[in-house]
């Protein structure tokens, strides 16, 4: 499982993290998988207990929660609308990297906004729903189009659902 987690992070980081950072991210998830009680005892600020109390048996395992936490900061994008998700994507790419401005999506219905986002990101990237959201917002990831099949395979093996948007 540890190698699958490492490879999943590597695909999502898309060269933006070095091997030591990828190892650290993977190790953190591994600690949560190895001993959830010890991990929670050491991480008193975790929102996982409240999440687990809210969802009960339907809650994801702690290690999946930690994996999602490790994706924060530019590898997972959440929003209640396509425009909100795209605003996070443009922040992650940096100023002037994408031609489509988030403001251009204002007032569009979701299907039309997603069509514009897909056109902006293609052919290099594919926007994917990455299931197991921790709240009501849609949770998405960007994956190099050439790596979508492998990413979907890894995500499935780790218990996450992936679907093209």
Protein backbone atom coordinates (compact mmCIF):
# COMPACT_ATOMS: atom_id res chain seq x y z
CA UNK A 1 0.00 0.00 0.00
CA UNK A 2 2.83 2.41 0.82
CA UNK A 3 4.19 2.26 -2.74
CA UNK A 4 0.72 2.91 -4.17
CA UNK A 5 0.29 5.95 -1.93
CA UNK A 6 3.73 7.24 -2.94
CA UNK A 7 2.93 6.83 -6.64
CA UNK A 8 -0.47 8.52 -6.23
CA UNK A 9 1.24 11.53 -4.62
CA UNK A 10 3.89 11.52 -7.35
CA UNK A 11 1.26 11.66 -10.10
CA UNK A 12 -0.63 14.48 -8.41
CA UNK A 13 2.50 16.49 -7.59
CA UNK A 14 3.47 16.29 -11.28
CA UNK A 15 7.13 17.04 -10.62
CA UNK A 16 6.39 19.79 -8.10
CA UNK A 17 7.78 17.83 -5.14
CA UNK A 18 11.11 16.13 -4.73
CA UNK A 19 11.55 12.52 -3.59
CA UNK A 20 12.10 13.50 0.06
CA UNK A 21 8.81 15.42 0.16
CA UNK A 22 6.93 12.57 -1.49
CA UNK A 23 8.48 10.14 1.00
CA UNK A 24 7.39 12.36 3.91
CA UNK A 25 3.81 12.61 2.63
CA UNK A 26 3.62 8.86 2.16
CA UNK A 27 5.17 8.17 5.55
CA UNK A 28 2.57 10.35 7.27
CA UNK A 29 -0.23 8.32 5.71
CA UNK A 30 1.63 5.12 6.63
CA UNK A 31 1.78 6.18 10.29
CA UNK A 32 -1.98 6.74 10.34
CA UNK A 33 -2.58 3.35 8.72
CA UNK A 34 -0.22 1.51 11.06
CA UNK A 35 -1.68 2.77 14.34
CA UNK A 36 -4.72 5.05 14.14
CA UNK A 37 -5.03 5.48 17.92
CA UNK A 38 -1.39 6.55 18.35
CA UNK A 39 -1.67 8.87 15.36
CA UNK A 40 -4.77 10.58 16.75
CA UNK A 41 -3.18 10.86 20.20
CA UNK A 42 -0.23 12.69 18.64
CA UNK A 43 -2.47 14.91 16.46
CA UNK A 44 -4.90 16.49 18.90
CA UNK A 45 -5.92 19.16 16.35
CA UNK A 46 -7.23 16.62 13.85
CA UNK A 47 -10.78 17.10 12.68
CA UNK A 48 -11.10 13.36 12.13
CA UNK A 49 -12.87 12.49 15.41
CA UNK A 50 -15.66 15.02 14.68
CA UNK A 51 -15.89 13.76 11.10
CA UNK A 52 -16.09 10.17 12.31
CA UNK A 53 -18.74 11.07 14.90
CA UNK A 54 -20.81 12.77 12.21
CA UNK A 55 -20.65 9.90 9.71
CA UNK A 56 -20.20 6.90 11.99
CA UNK A 57 -19.66 3.68 10.06
CA UNK A 58 -19.73 5.59 6.75
CA UNK A 59 -16.60 7.57 7.70
CA UNK A 60 -13.45 6.82 5.75
CA UNK A 61 -10.53 5.25 7.60
CA UNK A 62 -8.10 7.62 9.30
CA UNK A 63 -5.31 6.90 6.81
CA UNK A 64 -7.56 8.06 3.92
CA UNK A 65 -8.38 11.22 5.87
CA UNK A 66 -4.66 11.87 6.38
CA UNK A 67 -3.98 11.21 2.69
CA UNK A 68 -6.53 13.89 1.79
CA UNK A 69 -4.97 16.29 4.31
CA UNK A 70 -1.60 15.74 2.65
CA UNK A 71 -3.11 16.78 -0.69
CA UNK A 72 -4.02 20.24 0.64
CA UNK A 73 -2.08 23.13 -0.80
CA UNK A 74 -2.38 22.58 -4.50
CA UNK A 75 -3.06 18.92 -5.18
CA UNK A 76 -6.76 18.71 -4.33
CA UNK A 77 -9.29 21.36 -5.24
CA UNK A 78 -12.61 21.82 -3.46
CA UNK A 79 -15.52 24.07 -4.19
CA UNK A 80 -19.28 24.16 -4.31
CA UNK A 81 -19.21 25.50 -7.88
CA UNK A 82 -16.98 24.93 -10.91
CA UNK A 83 -15.90 28.60 -10.68
CA UNK A 84 -14.73 28.10 -7.07
CA UNK A 85 -12.79 24.98 -8.04
CA UNK A 86 -11.23 26.74 -11.01
CA UNK A 87 -10.19 29.67 -8.81
CA UNK A 88 -8.23 27.20 -6.64
CA UNK A 89 -6.67 25.67 -9.75
CA UNK A 90 -5.53 29.05 -11.06
CA UNK A 91 -4.03 29.84 -7.64
CA UNK A 92 -2.09 26.57 -7.75
CA UNK A 93 -0.80 27.23 -11.26
CA UNK A 94 0.19 30.79 -10.49
CA UNK A 95 -0.57 34.08 -12.10
CA UNK A 96 -0.71 34.22 -15.91
CA UNK A 97 -0.28 30.45 -16.37
CA UNK A 98 -3.83 29.87 -17.57
CA UNK A 99 -5.69 32.00 -20.10
CA UNK A 100 -9.21 31.53 -18.73
CA UNK A 101 -9.92 33.90 -15.84
CA UNK A 102 -12.10 32.55 -13.01
CA UNK A 103 -14.32 35.59 -13.39
CA UNK A 104 -15.22 34.44 -16.92
CA UNK A 105 -17.15 31.55 -15.36
CA UNK A 106 -19.41 33.78 -13.27
CA UNK A 107 -23.05 33.38 -14.19
CA UNK A 108 -22.54 30.23 -16.26
CA UNK A 109 -24.42 27.06 -15.43
CA UNK A 110 -22.25 24.25 -14.05
CA UNK A 111 -22.18 22.21 -17.27
CA UNK A 112 -21.06 25.18 -19.37
CA UNK A 113 -18.48 26.27 -16.79
CA UNK A 114 -17.03 22.76 -16.64
CA UNK A 115 -16.89 22.66 -20.44
CA UNK A 116 -14.80 25.86 -20.42
CA UNK A 117 -12.54 24.52 -17.67
CA UNK A 118 -11.97 21.23 -19.51
CA UNK A 119 -11.14 23.14 -22.71
CA UNK A 120 -8.65 25.33 -20.84
CA UNK A 121 -6.86 22.39 -19.24
CA UNK A 122 -6.88 20.07 -22.28
CA UNK A 123 -5.01 18.31 -23.66
CA UNK A 124 -2.39 18.31 -20.91
CA UNK A 125 -4.62 17.85 -17.87
CA UNK A 126 -7.82 16.03 -16.99
CA UNK A 127 -10.01 17.25 -14.14
CA UNK A 128 -11.29 14.34 -12.08
CA UNK A 129 -13.84 13.99 -9.31
CA UNK A 130 -11.92 12.43 -6.45
CA UNK A 131 -14.60 10.90 -4.23
CA UNK A 132 -14.53 10.69 -0.46
CA UNK A 133 -15.25 14.39 0.10
CA UNK A 134 -14.94 15.51 3.67
CA UNK A 135 -17.69 18.10 3.30
CA UNK A 136 -20.43 19.12 0.88
CA UNK A 137 -18.06 20.65 -1.65
CA UNK A 138 -16.99 18.82 -4.79
CA UNK A 139 -13.48 17.47 -4.47
CA UNK A 140 -11.35 17.33 -7.60
CA UNK A 141 -7.79 16.66 -8.70
CA UNK A 142 -5.84 17.50 -11.84
CA UNK A 143 -3.96 14.67 -13.45
CA UNK A 144 -1.76 14.67 -16.52
CA UNK A 145 -3.98 13.21 -19.20
CA UNK A 146 -1.40 10.55 -20.04
CA UNK A 147 -1.49 9.32 -16.42
CA UNK A 148 -5.26 9.22 -15.82
CA UNK A 149 -5.58 5.45 -16.26
CA UNK A 150 -2.77 4.69 -13.79
CA UNK A 151 -4.10 7.27 -11.33
CA UNK A 152 -7.59 5.72 -11.49
CA UNK A 153 -6.09 2.28 -10.92
CA UNK A 154 -4.16 3.48 -7.85
CA UNK A 155 -7.12 5.41 -6.47
CA UNK A 156 -9.38 2.37 -6.82
CA UNK A 157 -6.84 0.12 -5.10
CA UNK A 158 -6.76 2.61 -2.21
CA UNK A 159 -10.55 2.81 -1.92
CA UNK A 160 -11.16 6.15 -3.64
CA UNK A 161 -13.52 6.69 -6.55
CA UNK A 162 -12.37 8.69 -9.56
CA UNK A 163 -14.44 9.92 -12.48
CA UNK A 164 -13.73 12.35 -15.28
CA UNK A 165 -15.73 15.52 -15.05
